[in-house]
């Protein structure tokens, strides 16, 4: 079951041929797929005319339709997108019209702009299993009955967590669905705590160690937290030892000794500036203004 967005854009003809070869080589497997909001069926889409292998069945209708797999005594319901957005709750209006023993709904959507549905309304339609697509992260709406498999691989840097597929069994005893991790890597958002006595090389070593713990095959977005020496400027472009950091954000706070600076500068501009922002909380905009202002005044003084 491929519940839409097999491609993240319109597929090329050669891409369909490659996918069909792979799916067609599955000797004991029937494949049913539909087009989602990313690979929706445009006027000139190759989906319209492509001839799939005999074991691959594409739902081409923009309205709810049914494909019956006679050898499996199973009916698969679903539709394909013909535009990027489709806001009608069509999945809630399904009426079963087959004579098969088992029924599966292949459904892409779930938010207000992409075929919204209430899980209770879909559940009451009588499907044995609902294979959901559109949400990239795997999640189970109803245990063993209604599941988002998510993307096989993470799509972008915010696609964190495990990715894979759902393996299920459906028989007279009911349905059993199991998530199977399959992605070769994950995007991980990592926070690194910086201390006041930490210089650039020490930070790089710490980042290396944390990445090794979590896996050098993964991709990382790193945020630096904590307090750092005001004299230290981290060279963020040379922290990527393994070539797997997609971004580093420095959210550290300069560890100025404001009491000492105030005592030494009470009668000048710096002292008045520190007094003006003296009650600012460390995580506030005012505190950032205090740090940046003091830094600028110190640099002017040195110059």
Protein backbone atom coordinates (compact mmCIF):
# COMPACT_ATOMS: atom_id res chain seq x y z
CA UNK A 1 0.00 0.00 0.00
CA UNK A 2 1.48 3.35 -1.09
CA UNK A 3 -0.79 6.11 0.22
CA UNK A 4 0.28 8.96 -2.06
CA UNK A 5 3.42 11.04 -2.56
CA UNK A 6 5.55 8.19 -3.80
CA UNK A 7 7.33 11.13 -5.45
CA UNK A 8 7.81 14.56 -3.87
CA UNK A 9 6.98 16.20 -7.25
CA UNK A 10 5.70 15.22 -10.67
CA UNK A 11 7.42 11.95 -11.70
CA UNK A 12 9.39 11.70 -14.91
CA UNK A 13 8.64 8.85 -17.30
CA UNK A 14 12.01 7.23 -16.64
CA UNK A 15 11.34 7.38 -12.90
CA UNK A 16 8.03 5.55 -13.32
CA UNK A 17 9.79 2.89 -15.38
CA UNK A 18 12.40 2.39 -12.66
CA UNK A 19 9.80 2.14 -9.91
CA UNK A 20 7.64 -0.21 -11.98
CA UNK A 21 10.60 -2.52 -12.57
CA UNK A 22 11.25 -2.74 -8.83
CA UNK A 23 7.61 -3.24 -7.87
CA UNK A 24 7.02 -5.64 -10.76
CA UNK A 25 9.90 -7.82 -9.60
CA UNK A 26 7.97 -8.66 -6.41
CA UNK A 27 6.81 -12.15 -7.30
CA UNK A 28 4.26 -12.68 -4.50
CA UNK A 29 3.11 -9.11 -3.87
CA UNK A 30 0.21 -7.01 -5.09
CA UNK A 31 0.87 -3.25 -4.97
CA UNK A 32 -1.81 -0.57 -4.79
CA UNK A 33 -0.89 3.11 -4.97
CA UNK A 34 -2.49 6.52 -5.36
CA UNK A 35 -1.24 10.02 -6.14
CA UNK A 36 -0.95 12.47 -3.26
CA UNK A 37 -0.83 16.25 -3.10
CA UNK A 38 2.85 16.44 -4.13
CA UNK A 39 2.72 14.02 -7.07
CA UNK A 40 -0.87 14.89 -7.97
CA UNK A 41 -2.12 14.01 -11.44
CA UNK A 42 -1.66 17.06 -13.66
CA UNK A 43 -3.11 17.39 -17.14
CA UNK A 44 0.11 16.13 -18.72
CA UNK A 45 1.09 13.72 -15.94
CA UNK A 46 2.71 10.46 -17.02
CA UNK A 47 0.53 8.76 -14.41
CA UNK A 48 -2.41 9.09 -16.82
CA UNK A 49 -1.00 6.83 -19.53
CA UNK A 50 1.65 4.72 -17.84
CA UNK A 51 1.11 0.96 -18.09
CA UNK A 52 2.13 -0.72 -14.84
CA UNK A 53 3.19 -4.31 -14.31
CA UNK A 54 0.34 -6.75 -13.76
CA UNK A 55 0.81 -6.78 -9.97
CA UNK A 56 0.81 -2.99 -9.65
CA UNK A 57 -2.56 -1.24 -9.44
CA UNK A 58 -2.89 2.54 -9.45
CA UNK A 59 -6.07 4.27 -8.32
CA UNK A 60 -6.50 6.99 -10.96
CA UNK A 61 -9.92 8.32 -10.04
CA UNK A 62 -10.32 11.68 -8.27
CA UNK A 63 -13.40 10.24 -6.54
CA UNK A 64 -13.51 7.29 -4.17
CA UNK A 65 -13.09 4.10 -6.18
CA UNK A 66 -12.36 0.46 -5.41
CA UNK A 67 -9.82 -2.06 -6.65
CA UNK A 68 -10.64 -5.70 -5.93
CA UNK A 69 -7.74 -8.12 -5.51
CA UNK A 70 -9.60 -11.36 -6.11
CA UNK A 71 -6.78 -13.74 -5.19
CA UNK A 72 -6.52 -12.01 -1.81
CA UNK A 73 -10.29 -11.60 -1.36
CA UNK A 74 -9.50 -7.96 -0.55
CA UNK A 75 -10.91 -4.63 -1.73
CA UNK A 76 -8.81 -1.46 -1.59
CA UNK A 77 -10.63 1.88 -1.62
CA UNK A 78 -9.07 5.26 -2.32
CA UNK A 79 -8.61 8.16 -4.71
CA UNK A 80 -5.86 10.23 -6.30
CA UNK A 81 -5.28 13.97 -6.08
CA UNK A 82 -5.74 16.03 -9.22
CA UNK A 83 -4.73 19.26 -7.52
CA UNK A 84 -2.46 20.31 -4.64
CA UNK A 85 -5.31 20.82 -2.22
CA UNK A 86 -8.58 18.99 -1.68
CA UNK A 87 -10.60 20.15 1.31
CA UNK A 88 -13.72 17.95 1.07
CA UNK A 89 -14.09 15.24 3.74
CA UNK A 90 -14.56 12.53 1.09
CA UNK A 91 -13.21 9.70 3.24
CA UNK A 92 -16.11 10.20 5.65
CA UNK A 93 -18.65 9.59 2.86
CA UNK A 94 -17.46 6.14 1.74
CA UNK A 95 -20.02 3.38 1.39
CA UNK A 96 -18.67 -0.15 0.95
CA UNK A 97 -19.89 -1.75 -2.28
CA UNK A 98 -17.77 -4.89 -2.78
CA UNK A 99 -18.18 -8.57 -1.98
CA UNK A 100 -14.69 -9.16 -0.59
CA UNK A 101 -13.88 -10.50 2.82
CA UNK A 102 -11.37 -7.79 3.69
CA UNK A 103 -11.50 -4.03 3.08
CA UNK A 104 -8.63 -1.53 3.19
CA UNK A 105 -8.78 2.24 2.78
CA UNK A 106 -5.77 3.91 1.17
CA UNK A 107 -6.09 7.52 2.37
CA UNK A 108 -3.81 10.51 1.79
CA UNK A 109 -4.52 13.59 3.91
CA UNK A 110 -5.91 14.43 7.30
CA UNK A 111 -5.52 18.21 7.63
CA UNK A 112 -7.97 20.94 6.67
CA UNK A 113 -6.56 21.43 3.15
CA UNK A 114 -5.95 17.78 2.33
CA UNK A 115 -9.03 15.58 2.64
CA UNK A 116 -9.76 16.17 6.33
CA UNK A 117 -11.42 13.37 8.26
CA UNK A 118 -12.53 12.40 11.75
CA UNK A 119 -11.02 9.08 12.66
CA UNK A 120 -14.27 7.94 14.30
CA UNK A 121 -16.25 8.62 11.13
CA UNK A 122 -13.78 6.67 8.98
CA UNK A 123 -13.56 3.85 11.50
CA UNK A 124 -17.35 3.40 11.45
CA UNK A 125 -17.29 2.79 7.68
CA UNK A 126 -16.19 -0.78 8.38
CA UNK A 127 -12.64 -1.00 7.02
CA UNK A 128 -10.37 -3.68 8.41
CA UNK A 129 -7.39 -1.35 8.02
CA UNK A 130 -6.76 2.27 7.00
CA UNK A 131 -3.34 2.94 5.44
CA UNK A 132 -2.66 6.66 5.83
CA UNK A 133 -0.28 8.97 3.97
CA UNK A 134 0.62 12.70 3.95
CA UNK A 135 2.13 13.02 7.45
CA UNK A 136 5.86 12.27 7.24
CA UNK A 137 6.27 11.00 10.79
CA UNK A 138 4.87 7.56 11.64
CA UNK A 139 1.93 7.59 14.00
CA UNK A 140 -0.90 5.29 14.99
CA UNK A 141 -4.37 6.88 15.17
CA UNK A 142 -6.07 3.60 16.10
CA UNK A 143 -3.93 0.68 17.17
CA UNK A 144 -3.59 -1.92 14.40
CA UNK A 145 -6.40 -0.26 12.46
CA UNK A 146 -5.47 3.25 11.30
CA UNK A 147 -1.79 4.12 10.82
CA UNK A 148 0.39 6.75 9.16
CA UNK A 149 3.45 4.90 7.91
CA UNK A 150 5.29 8.18 7.38
CA UNK A 151 8.07 8.72 4.84
CA UNK A 152 10.53 5.89 4.23
CA UNK A 153 13.37 8.40 4.59
CA UNK A 154 13.35 11.85 6.21
CA UNK A 155 12.40 14.54 3.69
CA UNK A 156 14.00 17.62 5.28
CA UNK A 157 15.90 18.77 8.37
CA UNK A 158 12.71 19.08 10.43
CA UNK A 159 11.71 15.48 9.65
CA UNK A 160 13.21 14.11 12.84
CA UNK A 161 12.70 10.71 14.44
CA UNK A 162 12.44 7.19 13.06
CA UNK A 163 11.28 6.51 9.51
CA UNK A 164 10.33 3.30 7.82
CA UNK A 165 7.29 1.28 6.79
CA UNK A 166 4.34 -0.55 8.30
CA UNK A 167 4.24 -4.32 8.02
CA UNK A 168 0.82 -5.81 8.63
CA UNK A 169 -1.13 -9.02 8.58
CA UNK A 170 -4.86 -9.28 7.95
CA UNK A 171 -6.80 -12.50 8.49
CA UNK A 172 -9.87 -13.91 10.20
CA UNK A 173 -8.29 -13.12 13.58
CA UNK A 174 -8.08 -9.41 12.76
CA UNK A 175 -5.40 -6.96 11.76
CA UNK A 176 -1.93 -6.59 13.23
CA UNK A 177 0.27 -3.64 12.21
CA UNK A 178 3.94 -3.24 13.10
CA UNK A 179 6.27 -0.32 12.37
CA UNK A 180 9.55 -1.42 10.78
CA UNK A 181 12.43 1.12 10.82
CA UNK A 182 14.03 1.27 7.38
CA UNK A 183 15.71 4.69 7.00
CA UNK A 184 19.48 4.65 6.69
CA UNK A 185 19.77 7.92 8.61
CA UNK A 186 17.82 10.41 10.71
CA UNK A 187 17.75 14.16 11.12
CA UNK A 188 18.54 14.95 14.74
CA UNK A 189 18.13 18.31 16.49
CA UNK A 190 20.87 18.42 19.10
CA UNK A 191 21.57 20.96 21.84
CA UNK A 192 25.18 21.39 23.02
CA UNK A 193 25.75 23.00 26.41
CA UNK A 194 28.62 25.49 26.34
CA UNK A 195 30.55 26.57 29.45
CA UNK A 196 32.40 29.81 30.17
CA UNK A 197 35.85 28.23 29.92
CA UNK A 198 35.22 26.54 26.58
CA UNK A 199 37.21 27.62 23.54
CA UNK A 200 36.61 26.74 19.90
CA UNK A 201 38.67 23.54 19.74
CA UNK A 202 37.07 22.23 22.94
CA UNK A 203 33.62 22.87 21.46
CA UNK A 204 34.54 21.06 18.26
CA UNK A 205 35.76 18.07 20.28
CA UNK A 206 32.53 18.01 22.30
CA UNK A 207 30.41 18.13 19.13
CA UNK A 208 32.44 15.23 17.65
CA UNK A 209 31.87 13.16 20.78
CA UNK A 210 28.11 13.80 20.88
CA UNK A 211 27.70 12.98 17.19
CA UNK A 212 29.66 9.74 17.63
CA UNK A 213 27.29 8.76 20.46
CA UNK A 214 24.19 9.33 18.34
CA UNK A 215 25.62 7.99 15.07
CA UNK A 216 27.85 9.53 12.42
CA UNK A 217 25.44 8.29 9.72
CA UNK A 218 22.80 10.77 10.90
CA UNK A 219 22.35 14.44 9.97
CA UNK A 220 22.41 17.12 12.66
CA UNK A 221 21.05 20.58 13.34
CA UNK A 222 22.94 21.84 16.37
CA UNK A 223 21.99 24.63 18.76
CA UNK A 224 24.61 25.95 21.18
CA UNK A 225 23.23 26.82 24.63
CA UNK A 226 24.68 28.10 27.89
CA UNK A 227 27.18 30.85 28.71
CA UNK A 228 30.45 31.51 26.94
CA UNK A 229 33.49 33.70 27.44
CA UNK A 230 32.67 37.11 25.89
CA UNK A 231 36.13 37.12 24.30
CA UNK A 232 35.49 33.89 22.40
CA UNK A 233 33.99 33.86 18.91
CA UNK A 234 33.24 30.32 17.71
CA UNK A 235 34.18 29.53 14.12
CA UNK A 236 30.99 27.66 13.25
CA UNK A 237 32.15 26.85 9.71
CA UNK A 238 34.87 24.50 10.96
CA UNK A 239 32.88 22.42 13.46
CA UNK A 240 31.69 19.84 10.92
CA UNK A 241 34.22 17.04 11.36
CA UNK A 242 32.11 14.29 9.79
CA UNK A 243 30.36 16.33 7.09
CA UNK A 244 26.90 15.69 8.52
CA UNK A 245 25.94 18.99 10.18
CA UNK A 246 23.23 20.84 8.25
CA UNK A 247 23.31 23.90 10.50
CA UNK A 248 24.64 25.35 13.74
CA UNK A 249 22.88 28.11 15.66
CA UNK A 250 24.75 29.95 18.42
CA UNK A 251 22.23 30.79 21.16
CA UNK A 252 24.86 31.14 23.89
CA UNK A 253 24.91 34.13 26.21
CA UNK A 254 28.14 36.09 26.84
CA UNK A 255 29.16 35.60 30.47
CA UNK A 256 29.90 39.23 31.28
CA UNK A 257 30.65 40.12 34.90
CA UNK A 258 28.18 42.99 34.95
CA UNK A 259 28.69 43.79 38.64
CA UNK A 260 32.44 44.23 38.13
CA UNK A 261 31.88 46.28 34.97
CA UNK A 262 29.30 48.46 36.74
CA UNK A 263 31.61 49.12 39.68
CA UNK A 264 34.40 50.20 37.33
CA UNK A 265 32.20 52.33 35.06
CA UNK A 266 29.49 53.75 37.31
CA UNK A 267 30.08 57.35 36.22
CA UNK A 268 30.29 56.81 32.45
CA UNK A 269 28.12 55.66 29.56
CA UNK A 270 28.77 51.97 30.12
CA UNK A 271 27.75 52.17 33.76
CA UNK A 272 24.52 54.00 32.89
CA UNK A 273 23.81 51.45 30.14
CA UNK A 274 24.26 48.51 32.52
CA UNK A 275 22.03 50.17 35.14
CA UNK A 276 19.34 50.71 32.47
CA UNK A 277 19.12 46.97 31.71
CA UNK A 278 20.24 45.68 35.11
CA UNK A 279 17.04 43.73 35.85
CA UNK A 280 16.81 41.96 32.49
CA UNK A 281 16.26 38.19 32.53
CA UNK A 282 18.98 36.12 30.81
CA UNK A 283 16.59 34.74 28.17
CA UNK A 284 14.98 38.09 27.34
CA UNK A 285 15.44 40.48 24.43
CA UNK A 286 16.52 43.14 26.92
CA UNK A 287 19.36 40.91 28.13
CA UNK A 288 20.52 40.39 24.55
CA UNK A 289 20.51 44.17 24.10
CA UNK A 290 22.54 44.52 27.31
CA UNK A 291 25.16 42.03 26.10
CA UNK A 292 25.44 43.50 22.62
CA UNK A 293 25.62 47.05 23.95
CA UNK A 294 28.34 46.22 26.50
CA UNK A 295 30.28 44.30 23.85
CA UNK A 296 30.14 47.30 21.50
CA UNK A 297 31.21 49.74 24.24
CA UNK A 298 34.13 47.50 25.23
CA UNK A 299 35.30 47.24 21.63
CA UNK A 300 35.05 51.03 21.25
CA UNK A 301 37.05 51.47 24.43
CA UNK A 302 39.79 49.15 23.18
CA UNK A 303 39.89 50.82 19.83
